[in-house]
Amino acid sequence: MIEFPNHSRSYDRTRRAVRFWGYDSAMEASFFVDEGALRRLQPDTRPDETGFLTAFDSNRDRICAAAAKVYVRGSRGSYDLLAAHF
């Protein structure tokens, strides 16, 4: 079962997404929630790093729930969450 105890997150300008991490025992998985998904969750999101991080923080529980649904143990190192996941 994946858990999200680490509240660290960062904005990745190259991927235009907020990156965060989940843990399944000792295994770490990276998740990226793209700008489109963040705008779907919070339509008034400012289109800059601060705006996207704020939108992520405001919707963390919902984002982590979606991440848990797409996670498959040992399947891959990173997962992308898109607007369609919300």
PDB file of N, CA and C in Angstrom:
ATOM      1  N   MET A   1       0.843  -1.177   0.000  1.00  0.00           N
ATOM      2  CA  MET A   1       0.000   0.000   0.000  1.00  0.00           C
ATOM      3  C   MET A   1       0.893   1.248   0.000  1.00  0.00           C
ATOM      4  N   ILE A   2       0.594   2.165  -0.866  1.00  0.00           N
ATOM      5  CA  ILE A   2       1.377   3.392  -0.986  1.00  0.00           C
ATOM      6  C   ILE A   2       0.893   4.411   0.049  1.00  0.00           C
ATOM      7  N   GLU A   3       1.835   5.120   0.626  1.00  0.00           N
ATOM      8  CA  GLU A   3       1.526   6.174   1.591  1.00  0.00           C
ATOM      9  C   GLU A   3       2.276   7.438   1.198  1.00  0.00           C
ATOM     10  N   PHE A   4       1.810   8.560   1.695  1.00  0.00           N
ATOM     11  CA  PHE A   4       2.390   9.851   1.333  1.00  0.00           C
ATOM     12  C   PHE A   4       2.726  10.674   2.581  1.00  0.00           C
ATOM     13  N   PRO A   5       3.660  10.159   3.409  1.00  0.00           N
ATOM     14  CA  PRO A   5       3.982  10.856   4.647  1.00  0.00           C
ATOM     15  C   PRO A   5       4.863  12.098   4.441  1.00  0.00           C
ATOM     16  N   ASN A   6       5.568  12.142   3.332  1.00  0.00           N
ATOM     17  CA  ASN A   6       6.478  13.242   3.040  1.00  0.00           C
ATOM     18  C   ASN A   6       5.693  14.363   2.351  1.00  0.00           C
ATOM     19  N   HIS A   7       5.620  15.502   2.991  1.00  0.00           N
ATOM     20  CA  HIS A   7       4.856  16.605   2.413  1.00  0.00           C
ATOM     21  C   HIS A   7       5.692  17.484   1.487  1.00  0.00           C
ATOM     22  N   SER A   8       6.908  17.052   1.189  1.00  0.00           N
ATOM     23  CA  SER A   8       7.739  17.795   0.241  1.00  0.00           C
ATOM     24  C   SER A   8       7.128  17.706  -1.146  1.00  0.00           C
ATOM     25  N   ARG A   9       7.264  18.769  -1.872  1.00  0.00           N
ATOM     26  CA  ARG A   9       6.846  18.817  -3.275  1.00  0.00           C
ATOM     27  C   ARG A   9       7.651  19.896  -3.939  1.00  0.00           C
ATOM     28  N   SER A  10       7.774  19.814  -5.243  1.00  0.00           N
ATOM     29  CA  SER A  10       8.519  20.825  -5.980  1.00  0.00           C
ATOM     30  C   SER A  10       7.899  20.992  -7.356  1.00  0.00           C
ATOM     31  N   TYR A  11       8.123  22.156  -7.921  1.00  0.00           N
ATOM     32  CA  TYR A  11       7.615  22.420  -9.263  1.00  0.00           C
ATOM     33  C   TYR A  11       8.718  22.104 -10.261  1.00  0.00           C
ATOM     34  N   ASP A  12       8.406  21.297 -11.248  1.00  0.00           N
ATOM     35  CA  ASP A  12       9.346  20.924 -12.297  1.00  0.00           C
ATOM     36  C   ASP A  12       8.970  21.714 -13.552  1.00  0.00           C
ATOM     37  N   ARG A  13       9.760  22.730 -13.852  1.00  0.00           N
ATOM     38  CA  ARG A  13       9.456  23.598 -15.011  1.00  0.00           C
ATOM     39  C   ARG A  13       9.504  22.839 -16.329  1.00  0.00           C
ATOM     40  N   THR A  14      10.422  21.889 -16.440  1.00  0.00           N
ATOM     41  CA  THR A  14      10.568  21.125 -17.680  1.00  0.00           C
ATOM     42  C   THR A  14       9.321  20.292 -17.963  1.00  0.00           C
ATOM     43  N   ARG A  15       8.814  19.643 -16.935  1.00  0.00           N
ATOM     44  CA  ARG A  15       7.631  18.786 -17.099  1.00  0.00           C
ATOM     45  C   ARG A  15       6.331  19.551 -16.913  1.00  0.00           C
ATOM     46  N   ARG A  16       6.438  20.786 -16.436  1.00  0.00           N
ATOM     47  CA  ARG A  16       5.263  21.623 -16.159  1.00  0.00           C
ATOM     48  C   ARG A  16       4.310  20.883 -15.232  1.00  0.00           C
ATOM     49  N   ALA A  17       4.898  20.435 -14.114  1.00  0.00           N
ATOM     50  CA  ALA A  17       4.151  19.620 -13.167  1.00  0.00           C
ATOM     51  C   ALA A  17       4.737  19.771 -11.764  1.00  0.00           C
ATOM     52  N   VAL A  18       3.926  19.454 -10.776  1.00  0.00           N
ATOM     53  CA  VAL A  18       4.396  19.401  -9.396  1.00  0.00           C
ATOM     54  C   VAL A  18       4.776  17.956  -9.103  1.00  0.00           C
ATOM     55  N   ARG A  19       5.969  17.788  -8.568  1.00  0.00           N
ATOM     56  CA  ARG A  19       6.481  16.458  -8.233  1.00  0.00           C
ATOM     57  C   ARG A  19       6.320  16.223  -6.740  1.00  0.00           C
ATOM     58  N   PHE A  20       5.908  15.008  -6.398  1.00  0.00           N
ATOM     59  CA  PHE A  20       5.828  14.605  -4.999  1.00  0.00           C
ATOM     60  C   PHE A  20       6.128  13.114  -4.922  1.00  0.00           C
ATOM     61  N   TRP A  21       6.279  12.590  -3.706  1.00  0.00           N
ATOM     62  CA  TRP A  21       6.754  11.231  -3.530  1.00  0.00           C
ATOM     63  C   TRP A  21       5.823  10.422  -2.657  1.00  0.00           C
ATOM     64  N   GLY A  22       5.749   9.137  -2.982  1.00  0.00           N
ATOM     65  CA  GLY A  22       5.003   8.186  -2.180  1.00  0.00           C
ATOM     66  C   GLY A  22       5.915   7.032  -1.813  1.00  0.00           C
ATOM     67  N   TYR A  23       5.538   6.313  -0.755  1.00  0.00           N
ATOM     68  CA  TYR A  23       6.371   5.230  -0.255  1.00  0.00           C
ATOM     69  C   TYR A  23       5.545   3.976  -0.034  1.00  0.00           C
ATOM     70  N   ASP A  24       6.068   2.874  -0.540  1.00  0.00           N
ATOM     71  CA  ASP A  24       5.483   1.549  -0.349  1.00  0.00           C
ATOM     72  C   ASP A  24       6.566   0.742   0.353  1.00  0.00           C
ATOM     73  N   SER A  25       6.481   0.659   1.673  1.00  0.00           N
ATOM     74  CA  SER A  25       7.563   0.103   2.496  1.00  0.00           C
ATOM     75  C   SER A  25       8.819   0.916   2.218  1.00  0.00           C
ATOM     76  N   ALA A  26       9.879   0.272   1.771  1.00  0.00           N
ATOM     77  CA  ALA A  26      11.126   0.989   1.516  1.00  0.00           C
ATOM     78  C   ALA A  26      11.223   1.517   0.084  1.00  0.00           C
ATOM     79  N   MET A  27      10.243   1.213  -0.753  1.00  0.00           N
ATOM     80  CA  MET A  27      10.279   1.647  -2.152  1.00  0.00           C
ATOM     81  C   MET A  27       9.683   3.046  -2.287  1.00  0.00           C
ATOM     82  N   GLU A  28      10.392   3.892  -3.026  1.00  0.00           N
ATOM     83  CA  GLU A  28       9.925   5.255  -3.275  1.00  0.00           C
ATOM     84  C   GLU A  28       9.444   5.364  -4.716  1.00  0.00           C
ATOM     85  N   ALA A  29       8.341   6.078  -4.904  1.00  0.00           N
ATOM     86  CA  ALA A  29       7.819   6.336  -6.249  1.00  0.00           C
ATOM     87  C   ALA A  29       7.604   7.835  -6.396  1.00  0.00           C
ATOM     88  N   SER A  30       7.951   8.359  -7.548  1.00  0.00           N
ATOM     89  CA  SER A  30       7.726   9.771  -7.852  1.00  0.00           C
ATOM     90  C   SER A  30       6.409   9.926  -8.597  1.00  0.00           C
ATOM     91  N   PHE A  31       5.708  10.981  -8.285  1.00  0.00           N
ATOM     92  CA  PHE A  31       4.454  11.307  -8.951  1.00  0.00           C
ATOM     93  C   PHE A  31       4.546  12.728  -9.473  1.00  0.00           C
ATOM     94  N   PHE A  32       3.965  12.958 -10.637  1.00  0.00           N
ATOM     95  CA  PHE A  32       3.913  14.284 -11.233  1.00  0.00           C
ATOM     96  C   PHE A  32       2.458  14.609 -11.535  1.00  0.00           C
ATOM     97  N   VAL A  33       1.973  15.705 -10.994  1.00  0.00           N
ATOM     98  CA  VAL A  33       0.616  16.152 -11.315  1.00  0.00           C
ATOM     99  C   VAL A  33       0.774  17.378 -12.205  1.00  0.00           C
ATOM    100  N   ASP A  34       0.274  17.272 -13.441  1.00  0.00           N
ATOM    101  CA  ASP A  34       0.543  18.320 -14.422  1.00  0.00           C
ATOM    102  C   ASP A  34      -0.340  19.551 -14.219  1.00  0.00           C
ATOM    103  N   GLU A  35       0.046  20.620 -14.888  1.00  0.00           N
ATOM    104  CA  GLU A  35      -0.656  21.899 -14.743  1.00  0.00           C
ATOM    105  C   GLU A  35      -2.137  21.788 -15.087  1.00  0.00           C
ATOM    106  N   GLY A  36      -2.466  21.011 -16.101  1.00  0.00           N
ATOM    107  CA  GLY A  36      -3.869  20.846 -16.496  1.00  0.00           C
ATOM    108  C   GLY A  36      -4.700  20.214 -15.392  1.00  0.00           C
ATOM    109  N   ALA A  37      -4.132  19.240 -14.711  1.00  0.00           N
ATOM    110  CA  ALA A  37      -4.834  18.599 -13.599  1.00  0.00           C
ATOM    111  C   ALA A  37      -5.022  19.586 -12.454  1.00  0.00           C
ATOM    112  N   LEU A  38      -3.999  20.362 -12.171  1.00  0.00           N
ATOM    113  CA  LEU A  38      -4.103  21.354 -11.093  1.00  0.00           C
ATOM    114  C   LEU A  38      -5.145  22.415 -11.420  1.00  0.00           C
ATOM    115  N   ARG A  39      -5.219  22.805 -12.689  1.00  0.00           N
ATOM    116  CA  ARG A  39      -6.246  23.778 -13.098  1.00  0.00           C
ATOM    117  C   ARG A  39      -7.650  23.180 -13.003  1.00  0.00           C
ATOM    118  N   ARG A  40      -7.775  21.898 -13.281  1.00  0.00           N
ATOM    119  CA  ARG A  40      -9.083  21.248 -13.152  1.00  0.00           C
ATOM    120  C   ARG A  40      -9.504  21.224 -11.681  1.00  0.00           C
ATOM    121  N   LEU A  41      -8.567  20.935 -10.800  1.00  0.00           N
ATOM    122  CA  LEU A  41      -8.871  20.886  -9.372  1.00  0.00           C
ATOM    123  C   LEU A  41      -9.158  22.273  -8.795  1.00  0.00           C
ATOM    124  N   GLN A  42      -8.458  23.264  -9.318  1.00  0.00           N
ATOM    125  CA  GLN A  42      -8.596  24.625  -8.801  1.00  0.00           C
ATOM    126  C   GLN A  42      -8.532  25.594  -9.988  1.00  0.00           C
ATOM    127  N   PRO A  43      -9.671  25.864 -10.604  1.00  0.00           N
ATOM    128  CA  PRO A  43      -9.700  26.666 -11.833  1.00  0.00           C
ATOM    129  C   PRO A  43      -9.083  28.064 -11.724  1.00  0.00           C
ATOM    130  N   ASP A  44      -9.042  28.636 -10.537  1.00  0.00           N
ATOM    131  CA  ASP A  44      -8.491  29.987 -10.389  1.00  0.00           C
ATOM    132  C   ASP A  44      -6.982  29.988 -10.102  1.00  0.00           C
ATOM    133  N   THR A  45      -6.316  28.861 -10.376  1.00  0.00           N
ATOM    134  CA  THR A  45      -4.878  28.740 -10.128  1.00  0.00           C
ATOM    135  C   THR A  45      -4.096  29.766 -10.931  1.00  0.00           C
ATOM    136  N   ARG A  46      -3.187  30.464 -10.242  1.00  0.00           N
ATOM    137  CA  ARG A  46      -2.286  31.386 -10.944  1.00  0.00           C
ATOM    138  C   ARG A  46      -1.316  30.567 -11.789  1.00  0.00           C
ATOM    139  N   PRO A  47      -1.031  30.991 -13.026  1.00  0.00           N
ATOM    140  CA  PRO A  47      -0.170  30.197 -13.923  1.00  0.00           C
ATOM    141  C   PRO A  47       1.325  30.417 -13.676  1.00  0.00           C
ATOM    142  N   ASP A  48       1.756  30.208 -12.438  1.00  0.00           N
ATOM    143  CA  ASP A  48       3.174  30.311 -12.116  1.00  0.00           C
ATOM    144  C   ASP A  48       3.512  29.282 -11.035  1.00  0.00           C
ATOM    145  N   GLU A  49       4.774  29.161 -10.717  1.00  0.00           N
ATOM    146  CA  GLU A  49       5.213  28.143  -9.761  1.00  0.00           C
ATOM    147  C   GLU A  49       4.476  28.236  -8.427  1.00  0.00           C
ATOM    148  N   THR A  50       4.373  29.428  -7.895  1.00  0.00           N
ATOM    149  CA  THR A  50       3.684  29.612  -6.615  1.00  0.00           C
ATOM    150  C   THR A  50       2.225  29.197  -6.715  1.00  0.00           C
ATOM    151  N   GLY A  51       1.572  29.561  -7.804  1.00  0.00           N
ATOM    152  CA  GLY A  51       0.168  29.206  -8.000  1.00  0.00           C
ATOM    153  C   GLY A  51      -0.039  27.704  -8.071  1.00  0.00           C
ATOM    154  N   PHE A  52       0.829  27.013  -8.802  1.00  0.00           N
ATOM    155  CA  PHE A  52       0.677  25.566  -8.939  1.00  0.00           C
ATOM    156  C   PHE A  52       0.983  24.842  -7.624  1.00  0.00           C
ATOM    157  N   LEU A  53       1.972  25.317  -6.884  1.00  0.00           N
ATOM    158  CA  LEU A  53       2.272  24.707  -5.585  1.00  0.00           C
ATOM    159  C   LEU A  53       1.130  24.946  -4.593  1.00  0.00           C
ATOM    160  N   THR A  54       0.534  26.124  -4.644  1.00  0.00           N
ATOM    161  CA  THR A  54      -0.603  26.427  -3.776  1.00  0.00           C
ATOM    162  C   THR A  54      -1.791  25.535  -4.119  1.00  0.00           C
ATOM    163  N   ALA A  55      -2.042  25.355  -5.412  1.00  0.00           N
ATOM    164  CA  ALA A  55      -3.141  24.483  -5.842  1.00  0.00           C
ATOM    165  C   ALA A  55      -2.886  23.046  -5.377  1.00  0.00           C
ATOM    166  N   PHE A  56      -1.646  22.600  -5.473  1.00  0.00           N
ATOM    167  CA  PHE A  56      -1.305  21.267  -5.000  1.00  0.00           C
ATOM    168  C   PHE A  56      -1.588  21.150  -3.502  1.00  0.00           C
ATOM    169  N   ASP A  57      -1.093  22.105  -2.736  1.00  0.00           N
ATOM    170  CA  ASP A  57      -1.270  22.069  -1.282  1.00  0.00           C
ATOM    171  C   ASP A  57      -2.746  22.078  -0.892  1.00  0.00           C
ATOM    172  N   SER A  58      -3.540  22.843  -1.600  1.00  0.00           N
ATOM    173  CA  SER A  58      -4.974  22.948  -1.294  1.00  0.00           C
ATOM    174  C   SER A  58      -5.737  21.674  -1.625  1.00  0.00           C
ATOM    175  N   ASN A  59      -5.177  20.855  -2.508  1.00  0.00           N
ATOM    176  CA  ASN A  59      -5.861  19.646  -2.980  1.00  0.00           C
ATOM    177  C   ASN A  59      -5.060  18.377  -2.712  1.00  0.00           C
ATOM    178  N   ARG A  60      -4.145  18.447  -1.781  1.00  0.00           N
ATOM    179  CA  ARG A  60      -3.231  17.326  -1.509  1.00  0.00           C
ATOM    180  C   ARG A  60      -3.964  16.005  -1.270  1.00  0.00           C
ATOM    181  N   ASP A  61      -5.002  16.000  -0.449  1.00  0.00           N
ATOM    182  CA  ASP A  61      -5.705  14.738  -0.152  1.00  0.00           C
ATOM    183  C   ASP A  61      -6.298  14.110  -1.402  1.00  0.00           C
ATOM    184  N   ARG A  62      -6.903  14.924  -2.220  1.00  0.00           N
ATOM    185  CA  ARG A  62      -7.509  14.418  -3.460  1.00  0.00           C
ATOM    186  C   ARG A  62      -6.428  13.919  -4.433  1.00  0.00           C
ATOM    187  N   ILE A  63      -5.327  14.638  -4.506  1.00  0.00           N
ATOM    188  CA  ILE A  63      -4.229  14.250  -5.386  1.00  0.00           C
ATOM    189  C   ILE A  63      -3.611  12.929  -4.916  1.00  0.00           C
ATOM    190  N   CYS A  64      -3.395  12.803  -3.625  1.00  0.00           N
ATOM    191  CA  CYS A  64      -2.816  11.557  -3.097  1.00  0.00           C
ATOM    192  C   CYS A  64      -3.766  10.373  -3.304  1.00  0.00           C
ATOM    193  N   ALA A  65      -5.061  10.603  -3.193  1.00  0.00           N
ATOM    194  CA  ALA A  65      -6.032   9.534  -3.445  1.00  0.00           C
ATOM    195  C   ALA A  65      -5.959   9.081  -4.906  1.00  0.00           C
ATOM    196  N   ALA A  66      -5.841  10.026  -5.825  1.00  0.00           N
ATOM    197  CA  ALA A  66      -5.718   9.675  -7.244  1.00  0.00           C
ATOM    198  C   ALA A  66      -4.401   8.947  -7.501  1.00  0.00           C
ATOM    199  N   ALA A  67      -3.334   9.404  -6.846  1.00  0.00           N
ATOM    200  CA  ALA A  67      -2.029   8.754  -7.011  1.00  0.00           C
ATOM    201  C   ALA A  67      -2.078   7.312  -6.523  1.00  0.00           C
ATOM    202  N   ALA A  68      -2.755   7.067  -5.417  1.00  0.00           N
ATOM    203  CA  ALA A  68      -2.870   5.704  -4.876  1.00  0.00           C
ATOM    204  C   ALA A  68      -3.609   4.796  -5.859  1.00  0.00           C
ATOM    205  N   LYS A  69      -4.559   5.337  -6.599  1.00  0.00           N
ATOM    206  CA  LYS A  69      -5.314   4.535  -7.566  1.00  0.00           C
ATOM    207  C   LYS A  69      -4.474   4.131  -8.770  1.00  0.00           C
ATOM    208  N   VAL A  70      -3.542   5.000  -9.198  1.00  0.00           N
ATOM    209  CA  VAL A  70      -2.736   4.673 -10.384  1.00  0.00           C
ATOM    210  C   VAL A  70      -1.472   3.889 -10.037  1.00  0.00           C
ATOM    211  N   TYR A  71      -1.119   3.870  -8.773  1.00  0.00           N
ATOM    212  CA  TYR A  71       0.111   3.197  -8.350  1.00  0.00           C
ATOM    213  C   TYR A  71      -0.021   1.679  -8.479  1.00  0.00           C
ATOM    214  N   VAL A  72       1.025   1.069  -9.029  1.00  0.00           N
ATOM    215  CA  VAL A  72       1.126  -0.385  -9.106  1.00  0.00           C
ATOM    216  C   VAL A  72       2.498  -0.747  -8.548  1.00  0.00           C
ATOM    217  N   ARG A  73       2.522  -1.523  -7.484  1.00  0.00           N
ATOM    218  CA  ARG A  73       3.774  -1.842  -6.802  1.00  0.00           C
ATOM    219  C   ARG A  73       4.819  -2.417  -7.754  1.00  0.00           C
ATOM    220  N   GLY A  74       5.996  -1.795  -7.731  1.00  0.00           N
ATOM    221  CA  GLY A  74       7.111  -2.279  -8.523  1.00  0.00           C
ATOM    222  C   GLY A  74       6.960  -2.090 -10.018  1.00  0.00           C
ATOM    223  N   SER A  75       5.904  -1.428 -10.430  1.00  0.00           N
ATOM    224  CA  SER A  75       5.638  -1.284 -11.857  1.00  0.00           C
ATOM    225  C   SER A  75       6.611  -0.323 -12.538  1.00  0.00           C
ATOM    226  N   ARG A  76       6.834   0.832 -11.928  1.00  0.00           N
ATOM    227  CA  ARG A  76       7.731   1.835 -12.519  1.00  0.00           C
ATOM    228  C   ARG A  76       8.125   2.839 -11.456  1.00  0.00           C
ATOM    229  N   GLY A  77       9.058   3.694 -11.811  1.00  0.00           N
ATOM    230  CA  GLY A  77       9.578   4.645 -10.839  1.00  0.00           C
ATOM    231  C   GLY A  77       8.798   5.926 -10.723  1.00  0.00           C
ATOM    232  N   SER A  78       8.026   6.277 -11.773  1.00  0.00           N
ATOM    233  CA  SER A  78       7.264   7.526 -11.694  1.00  0.00           C
ATOM    234  C   SER A  78       5.914   7.378 -12.384  1.00  0.00           C
ATOM    235  N   TYR A  79       5.006   8.225 -11.955  1.00  0.00           N
ATOM    236  CA  TYR A  79       3.626   8.197 -12.453  1.00  0.00           C
ATOM    237  C   TYR A  79       3.188   9.624 -12.758  1.00  0.00           C
ATOM    238  N   ASP A  80       2.441   9.784 -13.844  1.00  0.00           N
ATOM    239  CA  ASP A  80       1.897  11.078 -14.223  1.00  0.00           C
ATOM    240  C   ASP A  80       0.416  11.131 -13.934  1.00  0.00           C
ATOM    241  N   LEU A  81      -0.008  12.182 -13.246  1.00  0.00           N
ATOM    242  CA  LEU A  81      -1.425  12.422 -13.001  1.00  0.00           C
ATOM    243  C   LEU A  81      -1.864  13.565 -13.900  1.00  0.00           C
ATOM    244  N   LEU A  82      -2.873  13.283 -14.716  1.00  0.00           N
ATOM    245  CA  LEU A  82      -3.384  14.247 -15.680  1.00  0.00           C
ATOM    246  C   LEU A  82      -4.779  14.675 -15.302  1.00  0.00           C
ATOM    247  N   ALA A  83      -5.319  15.647 -15.998  1.00  0.00           N
ATOM    248  CA  ALA A  83      -6.663  16.144 -15.701  1.00  0.00           C
ATOM    249  C   ALA A  83      -7.694  15.024 -15.708  1.00  0.00           C
ATOM    250  N   ALA A  84      -7.532  14.047 -16.584  1.00  0.00           N
ATOM    251  CA  ALA A  84      -8.495  12.937 -16.681  1.00  0.00           C
ATOM    252  C   ALA A  84      -8.570  12.101 -15.402  1.00  0.00           C
ATOM    253  N   HIS A  85      -7.561  12.169 -14.561  1.00  0.00           N
ATOM    254  CA  HIS A  85      -7.570  11.428 -13.301  1.00  0.00           C
ATOM    255  C   HIS A  85      -8.449  12.078 -12.241  1.00  0.00           C
ATOM    256  N   PHE A  86      -8.966  13.276 -12.543  1.00  0.00           N
ATOM    257  CA  PHE A  86      -9.775  13.999 -11.547  1.00  0.00           C
ATOM    258  C   PHE A  86     -11.155  14.267 -12.048  1.00  0.00           C
TER     259      PHE A  86
END
